[in-house]
Amino acid sequence: MTEKDDPSRVAFGGNGHGSPDLPRRSHTGNGADGKGTLAGRELAFPGSTSDGARSSKLGQLILDTLDRGVIALDLDGVVIDANADAQRILEAGDSMCVRAGRLEFHDPHLDRRLTHLLSALALGAFVATGFAAQLPAPNSSRPRRILVFPVSHRASRADIAVLVNIFDTHSKHVISHQLLRDLYGLTPAQAAVTAYLFEGHSVEQTAQKLGVSVNTVRSHLKCTFAKCDVHSQAELLHLLDLGPHSL
């Protein structure tokens, strides 16, 4: 499937800012094993004559449902693939961009660290390690967090060599009321309380938004603890943060 045929992929231009050019590889198979794109793990479907196309589409769908951005790079730092969240960040161009096909961080220090990692991998260094860092996120109270790590220490030029994971890609921290009702058996009132708390509101703020008393909110919360098998608000929020967040 080409970019033109796949509406889940955004066509980029080549100026490195706002509309980067993301080259695509047409091979099937798992790029981490040297056979193509990140989304193209080769799977066996009995009786199928188009396993490659089916697995590639499945891989794209899986990547786009992750709660983070994912960018795959080859040994030259060229972007082989990126999921939808990562593409939106690259299009914005506020903390990283694609220039001449290569991923570049606007922070010179981070860009040097990426270059050093790629160089070490190209030389066959078995001790090459990744790195974590923070990126400024416009219109957000929290910076984005990135994790850059090698996929293989024996990658060829055509393989996926490094993955860049970008966390905190969503400006809103929300969870579906219907999901809370279906997954945990919450009532509409309990789901409303839980959703407000998940968004970062306090018990008092939640009570004000719902037009009920603080004691009512705490009563709903106590029932929610029992249904979710947790014993504190911190445990509840940790459970919810693990996902899923929407249907």
Protein backbone atom coordinates (compact mmCIF):
# COMPACT_ATOMS: atom_id res chain seq x y z
CA MET A 1 0.00 0.00 0.00
CA THR A 2 1.35 3.41 -0.95
CA GLU A 3 1.00 6.68 0.95
CA LYS A 4 -1.53 7.79 -1.64
CA ASP A 5 -3.72 4.76 -1.02
CA ASP A 6 -3.50 4.89 2.79
CA PRO A 7 -5.53 7.74 4.35
CA SER A 8 -3.90 7.13 7.76
CA ARG A 9 -0.57 8.41 6.43
CA VAL A 10 0.10 12.10 5.92
CA ALA A 11 2.00 13.15 2.82
CA PHE A 12 4.91 15.39 3.71
CA GLY A 13 6.90 17.85 1.65
CA GLY A 14 10.63 18.34 1.93
CA ASN A 15 11.43 21.65 3.59
CA GLY A 16 12.12 20.23 7.05
CA HIS A 17 9.68 22.60 8.78
CA GLY A 18 5.94 22.11 8.87
CA SER A 19 5.84 19.52 6.08
CA PRO A 20 8.76 17.11 6.37
CA ASP A 21 9.42 14.41 3.77
CA LEU A 22 9.16 10.96 5.31
CA PRO A 23 10.56 8.33 2.95
CA ARG A 24 8.78 4.97 2.96
CA ARG A 25 10.26 1.58 2.31
CA SER A 26 8.13 -0.81 0.33
CA HIS A 27 9.49 -4.08 1.76
CA THR A 28 7.36 -6.38 3.86
CA GLY A 29 8.68 -7.80 7.07
CA ASN A 30 9.88 -6.35 10.36
CA GLY A 31 12.32 -3.50 9.92
CA ALA A 32 13.95 -4.33 13.25
CA ASP A 33 15.11 -7.58 11.62
CA GLY A 34 16.31 -5.84 8.50
CA LYS A 35 13.32 -6.51 6.25
CA GLY A 36 11.47 -3.23 5.93
CA THR A 37 9.26 -0.86 7.83
CA LEU A 38 8.37 -0.65 11.48
CA ALA A 39 4.78 -1.46 10.62
CA GLY A 40 5.59 -4.41 8.41
CA ARG A 41 6.11 -7.43 10.67
CA GLU A 42 5.78 -10.53 8.52
CA LEU A 43 3.03 -12.77 9.91
CA ALA A 44 1.60 -16.01 8.63
CA PHE A 45 -2.10 -16.02 7.73
CA PRO A 46 -3.07 -19.49 6.54
CA GLY A 47 -4.62 -19.50 3.09
CA SER A 48 -3.76 -15.87 2.42
CA THR A 49 -1.88 -14.71 -0.66
CA SER A 50 -1.34 -11.14 0.59
CA ASP A 51 0.24 -11.64 4.00
CA GLY A 52 2.63 -8.72 3.57
CA ALA A 53 -0.09 -6.19 2.78
CA ARG A 54 -2.32 -7.42 5.62
CA SER A 55 0.45 -7.40 8.23
CA SER A 56 1.69 -3.97 7.13
CA LYS A 57 -1.78 -2.48 7.52
CA LEU A 58 -2.18 -4.21 10.90
CA GLY A 59 1.15 -2.78 12.03
CA GLN A 60 0.11 0.75 11.04
CA LEU A 61 -3.17 0.43 12.92
CA ILE A 62 -1.39 -0.84 16.05
CA LEU A 63 1.18 1.96 15.96
CA ASP A 64 -1.51 4.60 15.57
CA THR A 65 -3.39 3.35 18.65
CA LEU A 66 -0.36 3.76 20.93
CA ASP A 67 -0.50 6.58 23.46
CA ARG A 68 2.83 7.94 22.26
CA GLY A 69 4.61 9.02 19.12
CA VAL A 70 6.98 6.50 17.52
CA ILE A 71 9.64 7.31 14.93
CA ALA A 72 11.87 4.70 13.28
CA LEU A 73 15.32 5.72 12.03
CA ASP A 74 17.97 3.97 9.97
CA LEU A 75 21.72 4.23 10.64
CA ASP A 76 21.89 7.57 8.83
CA GLY A 77 19.13 9.04 10.97
CA VAL A 78 16.70 8.93 8.06
CA VAL A 79 13.06 8.57 9.10
CA ILE A 80 11.83 5.22 7.85
CA ASP A 81 8.39 5.39 9.42
CA ALA A 82 6.36 7.29 12.02
CA ASN A 83 2.94 6.80 13.53
CA ALA A 84 0.18 9.41 13.45
CA ASP A 85 1.10 11.10 16.75
CA ALA A 86 4.74 11.43 15.72
CA GLN A 87 3.78 12.79 12.31
CA ARG A 88 1.70 15.54 13.92
CA ILE A 89 4.70 16.57 16.03
CA LEU A 90 7.00 16.53 13.00
CA GLU A 91 4.50 18.61 11.04
CA ALA A 92 4.37 21.18 13.86
CA GLY A 93 8.16 21.42 13.80
CA ASP A 94 8.35 22.99 17.27
CA SER A 95 10.96 20.67 18.81
CA MET A 96 12.12 18.43 15.96
CA CYS A 97 11.85 18.26 12.21
CA VAL A 98 12.87 16.22 9.19
CA ARG A 99 15.54 17.83 7.02
CA ALA A 100 16.69 16.04 3.85
CA GLY A 101 14.95 12.96 5.20
CA ARG A 102 16.89 12.96 8.48
CA LEU A 103 15.43 13.57 11.93
CA GLU A 104 16.83 16.66 13.62
CA PHE A 105 16.22 17.93 17.13
CA HIS A 106 16.14 21.71 17.45
CA ASP A 107 18.19 21.37 20.64
CA PRO A 108 21.82 21.07 19.41
CA HIS A 109 22.80 18.97 22.44
CA LEU A 110 20.11 16.37 21.76
CA ASP A 111 20.93 16.33 18.06
CA ARG A 112 24.59 15.61 18.88
CA ARG A 113 23.55 12.78 21.19
CA LEU A 114 21.47 11.23 18.42
CA THR A 115 24.34 11.60 15.94
CA HIS A 116 26.74 9.99 18.45
CA LEU A 117 24.37 7.05 18.99
CA LEU A 118 23.97 6.48 15.26
CA SER A 119 27.72 6.71 14.70
CA ALA A 120 28.39 4.17 17.44
CA LEU A 121 25.87 1.78 15.92
CA ALA A 122 27.33 2.25 12.44
CA LEU A 123 30.76 1.27 13.81
CA GLY A 124 29.26 -1.88 15.31
CA ALA A 125 29.60 -0.79 18.95
CA PHE A 126 27.93 -3.31 21.22
CA VAL A 127 27.87 -0.87 24.15
CA ALA A 128 25.87 1.83 22.37
CA THR A 129 23.06 2.92 24.68
CA GLY A 130 20.08 5.16 24.17
CA PHE A 131 19.10 8.26 26.09
CA ALA A 132 16.08 10.01 27.58
CA ALA A 133 15.41 13.74 27.52
CA GLN A 134 12.71 16.39 27.70
CA LEU A 135 11.46 18.51 24.83
CA PRO A 136 9.57 21.77 25.21
CA ALA A 137 5.92 21.42 24.26
CA PRO A 138 4.11 24.60 23.19
CA ASN A 139 0.78 25.36 24.88
CA SER A 140 1.41 22.62 27.41
CA SER A 141 2.20 22.70 31.10
CA ARG A 142 4.50 19.72 30.77
CA PRO A 143 7.42 19.12 28.42
CA ARG A 144 7.34 16.09 26.18
CA ARG A 145 9.52 13.20 27.22
CA ILE A 146 11.48 11.21 24.67
CA LEU A 147 13.23 7.86 24.84
CA VAL A 148 15.74 7.12 22.10
CA PHE A 149 17.15 3.61 21.97
CA PRO A 150 18.82 1.21 19.52
CA VAL A 151 16.75 -1.62 18.10
CA SER A 152 19.68 -3.64 16.82
CA HIS A 153 23.45 -3.40 17.22
CA ARG A 154 23.96 -5.15 13.88
CA ALA A 155 21.69 -3.11 11.67
CA SER A 156 22.54 -2.56 8.01
CA ARG A 157 21.97 0.77 6.30
CA ALA A 158 18.48 -0.29 5.22
CA ASP A 159 17.36 -1.56 8.63
CA ILE A 160 15.54 0.17 11.44
CA ALA A 161 18.39 0.99 13.82
CA VAL A 162 16.84 3.38 16.36
CA LEU A 163 13.37 4.04 17.74
CA VAL A 164 12.33 7.41 19.14
CA ASN A 165 9.40 7.24 21.55
CA ILE A 166 7.67 10.56 22.30
CA PHE A 167 5.51 10.69 25.42
CA ASP A 168 2.92 13.30 26.48
CA THR A 169 1.82 13.84 22.89
CA HIS A 170 -1.77 14.62 23.88
CA SER A 171 -2.55 18.02 25.35
CA LYS A 172 -5.73 16.74 27.02
CA HIS A 173 -5.74 14.03 29.68
CA VAL A 174 -9.20 12.58 29.21
CA ILE A 175 -10.96 9.23 29.56
CA SER A 176 -14.25 8.05 28.09
CA HIS A 177 -17.26 7.84 30.41
CA GLN A 178 -18.63 4.93 28.40
CA LEU A 179 -15.34 3.07 28.71
CA LEU A 180 -15.39 3.51 32.49
CA ARG A 181 -18.93 2.14 32.60
CA ASP A 182 -18.19 -0.81 30.31
CA LEU A 183 -14.79 -1.75 31.70
CA TYR A 184 -15.26 -1.19 35.42
CA GLY A 185 -19.03 -1.28 35.80
CA LEU A 186 -19.28 2.30 37.05
CA THR A 187 -22.55 4.16 37.18
CA PRO A 188 -22.89 7.37 35.12
CA ALA A 189 -22.30 9.44 38.29
CA GLN A 190 -19.24 7.40 39.29
CA ALA A 191 -17.85 7.64 35.76
CA ALA A 192 -18.31 11.43 35.76
CA VAL A 193 -16.46 11.78 39.06
CA THR A 194 -13.66 9.47 37.93
CA ALA A 195 -13.25 11.26 34.61
CA TYR A 196 -12.89 14.66 36.28
CA LEU A 197 -10.30 13.28 38.72
CA PHE A 198 -8.42 11.71 35.81
CA GLU A 199 -8.30 15.11 34.10
CA GLY A 200 -6.47 16.45 37.17
CA HIS A 201 -9.28 18.09 39.09
CA SER A 202 -9.44 17.84 42.87
CA VAL A 203 -12.35 16.33 44.78
CA GLU A 204 -13.56 19.82 45.63
CA GLN A 205 -13.31 21.01 42.01
CA THR A 206 -15.11 17.88 40.84
CA ALA A 207 -17.95 18.51 43.28
CA GLN A 208 -18.27 22.09 42.03
CA LYS A 209 -18.32 21.03 38.37
CA LEU A 210 -20.97 18.39 39.01
CA GLY A 211 -23.03 20.60 41.30
CA VAL A 212 -22.95 18.14 44.19
CA SER A 213 -21.43 18.07 47.65
CA VAL A 214 -17.89 16.96 48.43
CA ASN A 215 -19.32 14.12 50.50
CA THR A 216 -21.29 12.88 47.48
CA VAL A 217 -18.13 12.87 45.36
CA ARG A 218 -16.28 10.94 48.05
CA SER A 219 -19.13 8.46 48.30
CA HIS A 220 -18.97 7.84 44.55
CA LEU A 221 -15.20 7.56 44.78
CA LYS A 222 -15.42 4.96 47.54
CA CYS A 223 -17.68 2.79 45.38
CA THR A 224 -15.33 3.27 42.43
CA PHE A 225 -12.38 2.06 44.52
CA ALA A 226 -14.25 -1.16 45.29
CA LYS A 227 -15.23 -1.77 41.66
CA CYS A 228 -11.69 -1.09 40.41
CA ASP A 229 -10.08 -3.09 43.25
CA VAL A 230 -7.92 -0.19 44.45
CA HIS A 231 -7.56 1.43 47.86
CA SER A 232 -6.66 5.05 47.13
CA GLN A 233 -7.08 7.81 44.62
CA ALA A 234 -3.44 7.47 43.62
CA GLU A 235 -3.91 3.76 42.88
CA LEU A 236 -7.05 4.51 40.87
CA LEU A 237 -5.33 7.14 38.74
CA HIS A 238 -2.37 4.85 38.16
CA LEU A 239 -4.70 2.08 37.01
CA LEU A 240 -6.55 4.41 34.67
CA ASP A 241 -3.31 5.85 33.31
CA LEU A 242 -2.30 2.39 32.11
CA GLY A 243 -5.22 2.53 29.69
CA PRO A 244 -7.28 2.13 27.70
CA HIS A 245 -8.69 5.64 27.63
CA SER A 246 -11.29 5.51 24.87
CA LEU A 247 -13.42 3.06 22.91
